[in-house]
């Protein structure tokens, strides 16, 4: 039971942290804006970057099922994104996303 309580507290902390991150961008404070936009990073290699530039992120879904299932993965941490760049010189794609489910 204690682990369930801890999991709930961890999720609440993460959601609160994420909301503070979203709110840290001035453009998310305009009254007419109902959709929040945040910058994120995708770490990869040079070959995949060119594929993304030519066809978009949809090509990534064919690579594998991923940790949380099939999809595109982003982070707000360049240090974390660098773990997914397999080259000596790190390769990143910086995107603006509309967070959601």
Foldseek 3Di string as FASTA:
>chain_A
DVVVVVVVVVVVVVVVVVVVQQVVDPVQPDPVDPFTKDKWKAWAEPVVVVVCVVPNPPVVQPPDQDPVGRDGDTHRDPVVNQVHYPDPDIDMDMDMDGDDD
